[in-house]
Amino acid sequence: MTTIDQIAGTIIKEQELIIGPLAWQEAGKVSGVHIIDARSGSVTVGNGDSKLVIDKLVSQYERLFGRASREVCREAATPFLSNLAPAEIPLSLQ
């Protein structure tokens, strides 16, 4: 599992704490996010630029639930960002 996969899974799990199973439904609408097992929080990010996929995931939640959901995503991703080079960090998490 890559750092980006971990970021995506953690973002979805944190959103799930707030909005419940709807978080997984919304993540499933994002092209490039592949849900392997929602119970364990296992996801992969693929289909192109992984940074763009994370940005789309964050935007999906923000579009539905506002600016606060973007902050939840940033906080969820913070522990993983030190594992990425600055150029690898998605814009939505900077």
PDB file of N, CA and C in Angstrom:
ATOM      1  N   MET A   1       0.852  -1.170   0.000  1.00  0.00           N
ATOM      2  CA  MET A   1       0.000   0.000   0.000  1.00  0.00           C
ATOM      3  C   MET A   1       0.907   1.245   0.000  1.00  0.00           C
ATOM      4  N   THR A   2       0.653   2.144  -0.925  1.00  0.00           N
ATOM      5  CA  THR A   2       1.454   3.353  -1.031  1.00  0.00           C
ATOM      6  C   THR A   2       0.990   4.399  -0.017  1.00  0.00           C
ATOM      7  N   THR A   3       1.788   5.419   0.135  1.00  0.00           N
ATOM      8  CA  THR A   3       1.409   6.524   1.029  1.00  0.00           C
ATOM      9  C   THR A   3       0.127   7.186   0.546  1.00  0.00           C
ATOM     10  N   ILE A   4      -0.008   7.342  -0.760  1.00  0.00           N
ATOM     11  CA  ILE A   4      -1.229   7.941  -1.311  1.00  0.00           C
ATOM     12  C   ILE A   4      -2.440   7.063  -1.010  1.00  0.00           C
ATOM     13  N   ASP A   5      -2.289   5.745  -1.109  1.00  0.00           N
ATOM     14  CA  ASP A   5      -3.385   4.830  -0.751  1.00  0.00           C
ATOM     15  C   ASP A   5      -3.770   5.010   0.719  1.00  0.00           C
ATOM     16  N   GLN A   6      -2.761   5.130   1.574  1.00  0.00           N
ATOM     17  CA  GLN A   6      -3.014   5.324   3.004  1.00  0.00           C
ATOM     18  C   GLN A   6      -3.724   6.649   3.252  1.00  0.00           C
ATOM     19  N   ILE A   7      -3.318   7.683   2.552  1.00  0.00           N
ATOM     20  CA  ILE A   7      -3.968   8.993   2.696  1.00  0.00           C
ATOM     21  C   ILE A   7      -5.436   8.881   2.306  1.00  0.00           C
ATOM     22  N   ALA A   8      -5.712   8.273   1.167  1.00  0.00           N
ATOM     23  CA  ALA A   8      -7.097   8.141   0.711  1.00  0.00           C
ATOM     24  C   ALA A   8      -7.934   7.356   1.716  1.00  0.00           C
ATOM     25  N   GLY A   9      -7.415   6.230   2.183  1.00  0.00           N
ATOM     26  CA  GLY A   9      -8.152   5.414   3.146  1.00  0.00           C
ATOM     27  C   GLY A   9      -8.421   6.157   4.443  1.00  0.00           C
ATOM     28  N   THR A  10      -7.442   6.890   4.914  1.00  0.00           N
ATOM     29  CA  THR A  10      -7.605   7.632   6.165  1.00  0.00           C
ATOM     30  C   THR A  10      -8.597   8.776   5.995  1.00  0.00           C
ATOM     31  N   ILE A  11      -8.544   9.460   4.863  1.00  0.00           N
ATOM     32  CA  ILE A  11      -9.507  10.535   4.598  1.00  0.00           C
ATOM     33  C   ILE A  11     -10.926   9.964   4.620  1.00  0.00           C
ATOM     34  N   ILE A  12     -11.131   8.866   3.934  1.00  0.00           N
ATOM     35  CA  ILE A  12     -12.472   8.277   3.876  1.00  0.00           C
ATOM     36  C   ILE A  12     -12.930   7.842   5.262  1.00  0.00           C
ATOM     37  N   LYS A  13     -12.044   7.213   6.034  1.00  0.00           N
ATOM     38  CA  LYS A  13     -12.418   6.766   7.391  1.00  0.00           C
ATOM     39  C   LYS A  13     -12.756   7.947   8.291  1.00  0.00           C
ATOM     40  N   GLU A  14     -12.009   9.039   8.172  1.00  0.00           N
ATOM     41  CA  GLU A  14     -12.312  10.225   8.988  1.00  0.00           C
ATOM     42  C   GLU A  14     -13.651  10.832   8.580  1.00  0.00           C
ATOM     43  N   GLN A  15     -13.923  10.870   7.292  1.00  0.00           N
ATOM     44  CA  GLN A  15     -15.222  11.367   6.827  1.00  0.00           C
ATOM     45  C   GLN A  15     -16.342  10.452   7.307  1.00  0.00           C
ATOM     46  N   GLU A  16     -16.058   9.150   7.354  1.00  0.00           N
ATOM     47  CA  GLU A  16     -17.056   8.186   7.822  1.00  0.00           C
ATOM     48  C   GLU A  16     -17.439   8.452   9.273  1.00  0.00           C
ATOM     49  N   LEU A  17     -16.493   8.887  10.080  1.00  0.00           N
ATOM     50  CA  LEU A  17     -16.800   9.205  11.477  1.00  0.00           C
ATOM     51  C   LEU A  17     -17.819  10.336  11.576  1.00  0.00           C
ATOM     52  N   ILE A  18     -17.839  11.194  10.579  1.00  0.00           N
ATOM     53  CA  ILE A  18     -18.734  12.354  10.593  1.00  0.00           C
ATOM     54  C   ILE A  18     -20.059  12.057   9.895  1.00  0.00           C
ATOM     55  N   ILE A  19     -19.980  11.438   8.706  1.00  0.00           N
ATOM     56  CA  ILE A  19     -21.195  11.281   7.896  1.00  0.00           C
ATOM     57  C   ILE A  19     -21.634   9.834   7.712  1.00  0.00           C
ATOM     58  N   GLY A  20     -20.921   8.914   8.322  1.00  0.00           N
ATOM     59  CA  GLY A  20     -21.305   7.513   8.253  1.00  0.00           C
ATOM     60  C   GLY A  20     -20.977   6.867   6.920  1.00  0.00           C
ATOM     61  N   PRO A  21     -21.720   5.828   6.561  1.00  0.00           N
ATOM     62  CA  PRO A  21     -21.442   5.052   5.353  1.00  0.00           C
ATOM     63  C   PRO A  21     -21.499   5.875   4.060  1.00  0.00           C
ATOM     64  N   LEU A  22     -22.129   7.015   4.108  1.00  0.00           N
ATOM     65  CA  LEU A  22     -22.184   7.896   2.939  1.00  0.00           C
ATOM     66  C   LEU A  22     -20.775   8.267   2.464  1.00  0.00           C
ATOM     67  N   ALA A  23     -19.818   8.288   3.382  1.00  0.00           N
ATOM     68  CA  ALA A  23     -18.441   8.612   3.015  1.00  0.00           C
ATOM     69  C   ALA A  23     -17.901   7.621   1.993  1.00  0.00           C
ATOM     70  N   TRP A  24     -18.216   6.359   2.166  1.00  0.00           N
ATOM     71  CA  TRP A  24     -17.748   5.327   1.226  1.00  0.00           C
ATOM     72  C   TRP A  24     -18.480   5.429  -0.097  1.00  0.00           C
ATOM     73  N   GLN A  25     -19.754   5.755  -0.052  1.00  0.00           N
ATOM     74  CA  GLN A  25     -20.522   5.922  -1.295  1.00  0.00           C
ATOM     75  C   GLN A  25     -19.952   7.071  -2.119  1.00  0.00           C
ATOM     76  N   GLU A  26     -19.657   8.165  -1.450  1.00  0.00           N
ATOM     77  CA  GLU A  26     -19.106   9.328  -2.154  1.00  0.00           C
ATOM     78  C   GLU A  26     -17.711   9.034  -2.693  1.00  0.00           C
ATOM     79  N   ALA A  27     -16.899   8.318  -1.939  1.00  0.00           N
ATOM     80  CA  ALA A  27     -15.557   7.960  -2.411  1.00  0.00           C
ATOM     81  C   ALA A  27     -15.651   7.075  -3.654  1.00  0.00           C
ATOM     82  N   GLY A  28     -16.641   6.207  -3.690  1.00  0.00           N
ATOM     83  CA  GLY A  28     -16.829   5.327  -4.834  1.00  0.00           C
ATOM     84  C   GLY A  28     -17.169   6.059  -6.116  1.00  0.00           C
ATOM     85  N   LYS A  29     -17.626   7.301  -6.004  1.00  0.00           N
ATOM     86  CA  LYS A  29     -17.959   8.115  -7.174  1.00  0.00           C
ATOM     87  C   LYS A  29     -16.734   8.782  -7.785  1.00  0.00           C
ATOM     88  N   VAL A  30     -15.616   8.746  -7.076  1.00  0.00           N
ATOM     89  CA  VAL A  30     -14.411   9.436  -7.531  1.00  0.00           C
ATOM     90  C   VAL A  30     -13.603   8.501  -8.435  1.00  0.00           C
ATOM     91  N   SER A  31     -13.408   8.932  -9.663  1.00  0.00           N
ATOM     92  CA  SER A  31     -12.617   8.154 -10.608  1.00  0.00           C
ATOM     93  C   SER A  31     -11.186   8.022 -10.102  1.00  0.00           C
ATOM     94  N   GLY A  32     -10.711   6.785 -10.040  1.00  0.00           N
ATOM     95  CA  GLY A  32      -9.352   6.543  -9.569  1.00  0.00           C
ATOM     96  C   GLY A  32      -9.276   6.021  -8.150  1.00  0.00           C
ATOM     97  N   VAL A  33     -10.368   6.120  -7.394  1.00  0.00           N
ATOM     98  CA  VAL A  33     -10.410   5.554  -6.042  1.00  0.00           C
ATOM     99  C   VAL A  33     -11.059   4.177  -6.148  1.00  0.00           C
ATOM    100  N   HIS A  34     -10.317   3.159  -5.772  1.00  0.00           N
ATOM    101  CA  HIS A  34     -10.809   1.788  -5.846  1.00  0.00           C
ATOM    102  C   HIS A  34     -10.945   1.241  -4.431  1.00  0.00           C
ATOM    103  N   ILE A  35     -12.176   1.016  -4.022  1.00  0.00           N
ATOM    104  CA  ILE A  35     -12.444   0.505  -2.676  1.00  0.00           C
ATOM    105  C   ILE A  35     -12.269  -1.006  -2.693  1.00  0.00           C
ATOM    106  N   ILE A  36     -11.317  -1.474  -1.905  1.00  0.00           N
ATOM    107  CA  ILE A  36     -11.055  -2.906  -1.810  1.00  0.00           C
ATOM    108  C   ILE A  36     -11.910  -3.505  -0.706  1.00  0.00           C
ATOM    109  N   ASP A  37     -11.894  -2.880   0.478  1.00  0.00           N
ATOM    110  CA  ASP A  37     -12.670  -3.364   1.613  1.00  0.00           C
ATOM    111  C   ASP A  37     -12.997  -2.188   2.526  1.00  0.00           C
ATOM    112  N   ALA A  38     -14.248  -1.782   2.527  1.00  0.00           N
ATOM    113  CA  ALA A  38     -14.660  -0.635   3.341  1.00  0.00           C
ATOM    114  C   ALA A  38     -14.524  -0.927   4.828  1.00  0.00           C
ATOM    115  N   ARG A  39     -14.751  -2.155   5.228  1.00  0.00           N
ATOM    116  CA  ARG A  39     -14.649  -2.483   6.663  1.00  0.00           C
ATOM    117  C   ARG A  39     -13.252  -2.235   7.211  1.00  0.00           C
ATOM    118  N   SER A  40     -12.249  -2.624   6.448  1.00  0.00           N
ATOM    119  CA  SER A  40     -10.870  -2.428   6.913  1.00  0.00           C
ATOM    120  C   SER A  40     -10.305  -1.079   6.475  1.00  0.00           C
ATOM    121  N   GLY A  41     -11.034  -0.378   5.598  1.00  0.00           N
ATOM    122  CA  GLY A  41     -10.560   0.909   5.111  1.00  0.00           C
ATOM    123  C   GLY A  41      -9.523   0.777   4.023  1.00  0.00           C
ATOM    124  N   SER A  42      -9.517  -0.344   3.341  1.00  0.00           N
ATOM    125  CA  SER A  42      -8.521  -0.609   2.317  1.00  0.00           C
ATOM    126  C   SER A  42      -8.965  -0.050   0.962  1.00  0.00           C
ATOM    127  N   VAL A  43      -8.161   0.864   0.432  1.00  0.00           N
ATOM    128  CA  VAL A  43      -8.411   1.446  -0.884  1.00  0.00           C
ATOM    129  C   VAL A  43      -7.099   1.551  -1.642  1.00  0.00           C
ATOM    130  N   THR A  44      -7.221   1.639  -2.955  1.00  0.00           N
ATOM    131  CA  THR A  44      -6.062   1.947  -3.782  1.00  0.00           C
ATOM    132  C   THR A  44      -6.408   3.143  -4.646  1.00  0.00           C
ATOM    133  N   VAL A  45      -5.386   3.859  -5.025  1.00  0.00           N
ATOM    134  CA  VAL A  45      -5.547   5.029  -5.884  1.00  0.00           C
ATOM    135  C   VAL A  45      -4.807   4.734  -7.174  1.00  0.00           C
ATOM    136  N   GLY A  46      -5.503   4.872  -8.277  1.00  0.00           N
ATOM    137  CA  GLY A  46      -4.888   4.585  -9.567  1.00  0.00           C
ATOM    138  C   GLY A  46      -5.539   5.390 -10.669  1.00  0.00           C
ATOM    139  N   ASN A  47      -5.353   4.943 -11.892  1.00  0.00           N
ATOM    140  CA  ASN A  47      -5.920   5.604 -13.073  1.00  0.00           C
ATOM    141  C   ASN A  47      -5.391   7.013 -13.269  1.00  0.00           C
ATOM    142  N   GLY A  48      -4.108   7.129 -13.403  1.00  0.00           N
ATOM    143  CA  GLY A  48      -3.545   8.438 -13.711  1.00  0.00           C
ATOM    144  C   GLY A  48      -2.812   9.065 -12.552  1.00  0.00           C
ATOM    145  N   ASP A  49      -2.858  10.363 -12.490  1.00  0.00           N
ATOM    146  CA  ASP A  49      -2.139  11.147 -11.495  1.00  0.00           C
ATOM    147  C   ASP A  49      -2.777  10.973 -10.117  1.00  0.00           C
ATOM    148  N   SER A  50      -2.077  10.320  -9.217  1.00  0.00           N
ATOM    149  CA  SER A  50      -2.633  10.039  -7.891  1.00  0.00           C
ATOM    150  C   SER A  50      -2.900  11.320  -7.101  1.00  0.00           C
ATOM    151  N   LYS A  51      -2.098  12.359  -7.318  1.00  0.00           N
ATOM    152  CA  LYS A  51      -2.352  13.638  -6.642  1.00  0.00           C
ATOM    153  C   LYS A  51      -3.706  14.199  -7.067  1.00  0.00           C
ATOM    154  N   LEU A  52      -4.005  14.090  -8.342  1.00  0.00           N
ATOM    155  CA  LEU A  52      -5.279  14.588  -8.859  1.00  0.00           C
ATOM    156  C   LEU A  52      -6.446  13.785  -8.296  1.00  0.00           C
ATOM    157  N   VAL A  53      -6.263  12.481  -8.129  1.00  0.00           N
ATOM    158  CA  VAL A  53      -7.320  11.637  -7.558  1.00  0.00           C
ATOM    159  C   VAL A  53      -7.618  12.071  -6.126  1.00  0.00           C
ATOM    160  N   ILE A  54      -6.581  12.336  -5.340  1.00  0.00           N
ATOM    161  CA  ILE A  54      -6.784  12.804  -3.960  1.00  0.00           C
ATOM    162  C   ILE A  54      -7.501  14.149  -3.975  1.00  0.00           C
ATOM    163  N   ASP A  55      -7.103  15.044  -4.878  1.00  0.00           N
ATOM    164  CA  ASP A  55      -7.769  16.343  -4.986  1.00  0.00           C
ATOM    165  C   ASP A  55      -9.252  16.173  -5.315  1.00  0.00           C
ATOM    166  N   LYS A  56      -9.575  15.218  -6.190  1.00  0.00           N
ATOM    167  CA  LYS A  56     -10.970  14.960  -6.539  1.00  0.00           C
ATOM    168  C   LYS A  56     -11.733  14.399  -5.343  1.00  0.00           C
ATOM    169  N   LEU A  57     -11.085  13.534  -4.570  1.00  0.00           N
ATOM    170  CA  LEU A  57     -11.721  12.965  -3.382  1.00  0.00           C
ATOM    171  C   LEU A  57     -12.056  14.063  -2.377  1.00  0.00           C
ATOM    172  N   VAL A  58     -11.089  14.921  -2.119  1.00  0.00           N
ATOM    173  CA  VAL A  58     -11.314  16.032  -1.189  1.00  0.00           C
ATOM    174  C   VAL A  58     -12.427  16.940  -1.719  1.00  0.00           C
ATOM    175  N   SER A  59     -12.410  17.218  -3.009  1.00  0.00           N
ATOM    176  CA  SER A  59     -13.436  18.074  -3.617  1.00  0.00           C
ATOM    177  C   SER A  59     -14.821  17.450  -3.534  1.00  0.00           C
ATOM    178  N   GLN A  60     -14.882  16.132  -3.654  1.00  0.00           N
ATOM    179  CA  GLN A  60     -16.174  15.438  -3.566  1.00  0.00           C
ATOM    180  C   GLN A  60     -16.814  15.689  -2.203  1.00  0.00           C
ATOM    181  N   TYR A  61     -16.026  15.553  -1.153  1.00  0.00           N
ATOM    182  CA  TYR A  61     -16.554  15.804   0.194  1.00  0.00           C
ATOM    183  C   TYR A  61     -16.847  17.285   0.401  1.00  0.00           C
ATOM    184  N   GLU A  62     -15.976  18.143  -0.082  1.00  0.00           N
ATOM    185  CA  GLU A  62     -16.176  19.581   0.102  1.00  0.00           C
ATOM    186  C   GLU A  62     -17.422  20.067  -0.628  1.00  0.00           C
ATOM    187  N   ARG A  63     -17.668  19.525  -1.807  1.00  0.00           N
ATOM    188  CA  ARG A  63     -18.842  19.920  -2.588  1.00  0.00           C
ATOM    189  C   ARG A  63     -20.130  19.604  -1.818  1.00  0.00           C
ATOM    190  N   LEU A  64     -20.143  18.480  -1.117  1.00  0.00           N
ATOM    191  CA  LEU A  64     -21.344  18.071  -0.398  1.00  0.00           C
ATOM    192  C   LEU A  64     -21.468  18.683   0.994  1.00  0.00           C
ATOM    193  N   PHE A  65     -20.331  18.817   1.677  1.00  0.00           N
ATOM    194  CA  PHE A  65     -20.392  19.156   3.092  1.00  0.00           C
ATOM    195  C   PHE A  65     -19.637  20.415   3.473  1.00  0.00           C
ATOM    196  N   GLY A  66     -19.099  21.121   2.488  1.00  0.00           N
ATOM    197  CA  GLY A  66     -18.502  22.421   2.761  1.00  0.00           C
ATOM    198  C   GLY A  66     -17.034  22.393   3.165  1.00  0.00           C
ATOM    199  N   ARG A  67     -16.574  23.569   3.501  1.00  0.00           N
ATOM    200  CA  ARG A  67     -15.162  23.812   3.797  1.00  0.00           C
ATOM    201  C   ARG A  67     -14.652  22.983   4.983  1.00  0.00           C
ATOM    202  N   ALA A  68     -15.505  22.728   5.945  1.00  0.00           N
ATOM    203  CA  ALA A  68     -15.082  21.960   7.117  1.00  0.00           C
ATOM    204  C   ALA A  68     -14.603  20.568   6.723  1.00  0.00           C
ATOM    205  N   SER A  69     -15.210  19.985   5.709  1.00  0.00           N
ATOM    206  CA  SER A  69     -14.792  18.652   5.290  1.00  0.00           C
ATOM    207  C   SER A  69     -13.394  18.681   4.682  1.00  0.00           C
ATOM    208  N   ARG A  70     -13.011  19.788   4.047  1.00  0.00           N
ATOM    209  CA  ARG A  70     -11.647  19.926   3.518  1.00  0.00           C
ATOM    210  C   ARG A  70     -10.647  19.914   4.672  1.00  0.00           C
ATOM    211  N   GLU A  71     -10.985  20.584   5.747  1.00  0.00           N
ATOM    212  CA  GLU A  71     -10.093  20.611   6.912  1.00  0.00           C
ATOM    213  C   GLU A  71      -9.972  19.232   7.549  1.00  0.00           C
ATOM    214  N   VAL A  72     -11.057  18.485   7.581  1.00  0.00           N
ATOM    215  CA  VAL A  72     -11.015  17.115   8.100  1.00  0.00           C
ATOM    216  C   VAL A  72     -10.060  16.284   7.243  1.00  0.00           C
ATOM    217  N   CYS A  73     -10.117  16.465   5.939  1.00  0.00           N
ATOM    218  CA  CYS A  73      -9.224  15.740   5.024  1.00  0.00           C
ATOM    219  C   CYS A  73      -7.764  16.116   5.278  1.00  0.00           C
ATOM    220  N   ARG A  74      -7.495  17.389   5.441  1.00  0.00           N
ATOM    221  CA  ARG A  74      -6.122  17.840   5.700  1.00  0.00           C
ATOM    222  C   ARG A  74      -5.586  17.251   7.001  1.00  0.00           C
ATOM    223  N   GLU A  75      -6.387  17.306   8.038  1.00  0.00           N
ATOM    224  CA  GLU A  75      -5.958  16.765   9.334  1.00  0.00           C
ATOM    225  C   GLU A  75      -5.720  15.259   9.253  1.00  0.00           C
ATOM    226  N   ALA A  76      -6.574  14.558   8.506  1.00  0.00           N
ATOM    227  CA  ALA A  76      -6.430  13.107   8.367  1.00  0.00           C
ATOM    228  C   ALA A  76      -5.132  12.761   7.640  1.00  0.00           C
ATOM    229  N   ALA A  77      -4.750  13.565   6.682  1.00  0.00           N
ATOM    230  CA  ALA A  77      -3.574  13.277   5.860  1.00  0.00           C
ATOM    231  C   ALA A  77      -2.264  13.729   6.496  1.00  0.00           C
ATOM    232  N   THR A  78      -2.311  14.622   7.446  1.00  0.00           N
ATOM    233  CA  THR A  78      -1.097  15.219   8.014  1.00  0.00           C
ATOM    234  C   THR A  78      -0.024  14.204   8.417  1.00  0.00           C
ATOM    235  N   PRO A  79      -0.349  13.105   9.103  1.00  0.00           N
ATOM    236  CA  PRO A  79       0.710  12.171   9.504  1.00  0.00           C
ATOM    237  C   PRO A  79       1.465  11.531   8.337  1.00  0.00           C
ATOM    238  N   PHE A  80       0.858  11.522   7.161  1.00  0.00           N
ATOM    239  CA  PHE A  80       1.459  10.855   6.009  1.00  0.00           C
ATOM    240  C   PHE A  80       2.257  11.800   5.116  1.00  0.00           C
ATOM    241  N   LEU A  81       2.022  13.090   5.248  1.00  0.00           N
ATOM    242  CA  LEU A  81       2.634  14.040   4.325  1.00  0.00           C
ATOM    243  C   LEU A  81       4.147  14.101   4.443  1.00  0.00           C
ATOM    244  N   SER A  82       4.678  13.798   5.608  1.00  0.00           N
ATOM    245  CA  SER A  82       6.137  13.820   5.778  1.00  0.00           C
ATOM    246  C   SER A  82       6.819  12.715   4.980  1.00  0.00           C
ATOM    247  N   ASN A  83       6.043  11.707   4.542  1.00  0.00           N
ATOM    248  CA  ASN A  83       6.591  10.614   3.732  1.00  0.00           C
ATOM    249  C   ASN A  83       6.647  10.960   2.246  1.00  0.00           C
ATOM    250  N   LEU A  84       6.109  12.133   1.890  1.00  0.00           N
ATOM    251  CA  LEU A  84       6.066  12.540   0.495  1.00  0.00           C
ATOM    252  C   LEU A  84       7.004  13.711   0.252  1.00  0.00           C
ATOM    253  N   ALA A  85       7.552  13.764  -0.936  1.00  0.00           N
ATOM    254  CA  ALA A  85       8.316  14.944  -1.347  1.00  0.00           C
ATOM    255  C   ALA A  85       7.328  16.083  -1.558  1.00  0.00           C
ATOM    256  N   PRO A  86       7.756  17.331  -1.377  1.00  0.00           N
ATOM    257  CA  PRO A  86       6.823  18.457  -1.564  1.00  0.00           C
ATOM    258  C   PRO A  86       6.078  18.427  -2.899  1.00  0.00           C
ATOM    259  N   ALA A  87       6.743  17.998  -3.945  1.00  0.00           N
ATOM    260  CA  ALA A  87       6.096  17.940  -5.268  1.00  0.00           C
ATOM    261  C   ALA A  87       5.043  16.838  -5.360  1.00  0.00           C
ATOM    262  N   GLU A  88       5.053  15.894  -4.441  1.00  0.00           N
ATOM    263  CA  GLU A  88       4.106  14.780  -4.447  1.00  0.00           C
ATOM    264  C   GLU A  88       2.841  15.058  -3.641  1.00  0.00           C
ATOM    265  N   ILE A  89       2.836  16.143  -2.889  1.00  0.00           N
ATOM    266  CA  ILE A  89       1.692  16.453  -2.028  1.00  0.00           C
ATOM    267  C   ILE A  89       0.566  17.063  -2.868  1.00  0.00           C
ATOM    268  N   PRO A  90      -0.631  16.481  -2.810  1.00  0.00           N
ATOM    269  CA  PRO A  90      -1.758  17.043  -3.549  1.00  0.00           C
ATOM    270  C   PRO A  90      -2.061  18.478  -3.109  1.00  0.00           C
ATOM    271  N   LEU A  91      -2.474  19.305  -4.044  1.00  0.00           N
ATOM    272  CA  LEU A  91      -2.754  20.713  -3.747  1.00  0.00           C
ATOM    273  C   LEU A  91      -3.800  20.877  -2.653  1.00  0.00           C
ATOM    274  N   SER A  92      -4.794  20.015  -2.641  1.00  0.00           N
ATOM    275  CA  SER A  92      -5.865  20.129  -1.660  1.00  0.00           C
ATOM    276  C   SER A  92      -5.404  19.886  -0.238  1.00  0.00           C
ATOM    277  N   LEU A  93      -4.220  19.299  -0.070  1.00  0.00           N
ATOM    278  CA  LEU A  93      -3.715  18.986   1.270  1.00  0.00           C
ATOM    279  C   LEU A  93      -2.590  19.914   1.696  1.00  0.00           C
ATOM    280  N   GLN A  94      -2.236  20.862   0.869  1.00  0.00           N
ATOM    281  CA  GLN A  94      -1.146  21.781   1.203  1.00  0.00           C
ATOM    282  C   GLN A  94      -1.626  22.922   2.072  1.00  0.00           C
TER     283      GLN A  94
END
